Amino acid sequence: MAIWFVYITAKDKTEALAIGRALVEERLAACVNVWDGMTSIYRWEGALEQGSEAVLVAKTQQPLVSALVERVKGLHSYACPCVVAWPIGMGSTPYLDWIEKETR
């Protein structure tokens, strides 16, 4: 089974924790890491912006990525949330097996 990381940003730690908890409770992710206090610089609606955000990294199986993305969009406060995914090429086999076991 192909294991993927999903990178997500949120407006703050509270929102990130709520999203992460929902993803794990619903078994769309085996684990979600949350980092608070990231600074983002971006262009939005023609203006240069800078702000503090929280980052989530969810670990899941490839067949669940689309459902996970849709769930994040439903929980998220942003009109256009950052939710991107990429495959994991290699890693600790017991850990990758655990991700597979904990998601469905």
Foldseek 3Di string as FASTA:
>chain_A
DWKKKKKWKAAFPVLVVVLQVVCLVQQLFVGKDKDWFDWDWDADPRDTDIDTIMMIITMAHPVSLVVSVVSCCVSGPDPDIRIDMDIDDDDDVVVNVSGVVSHD
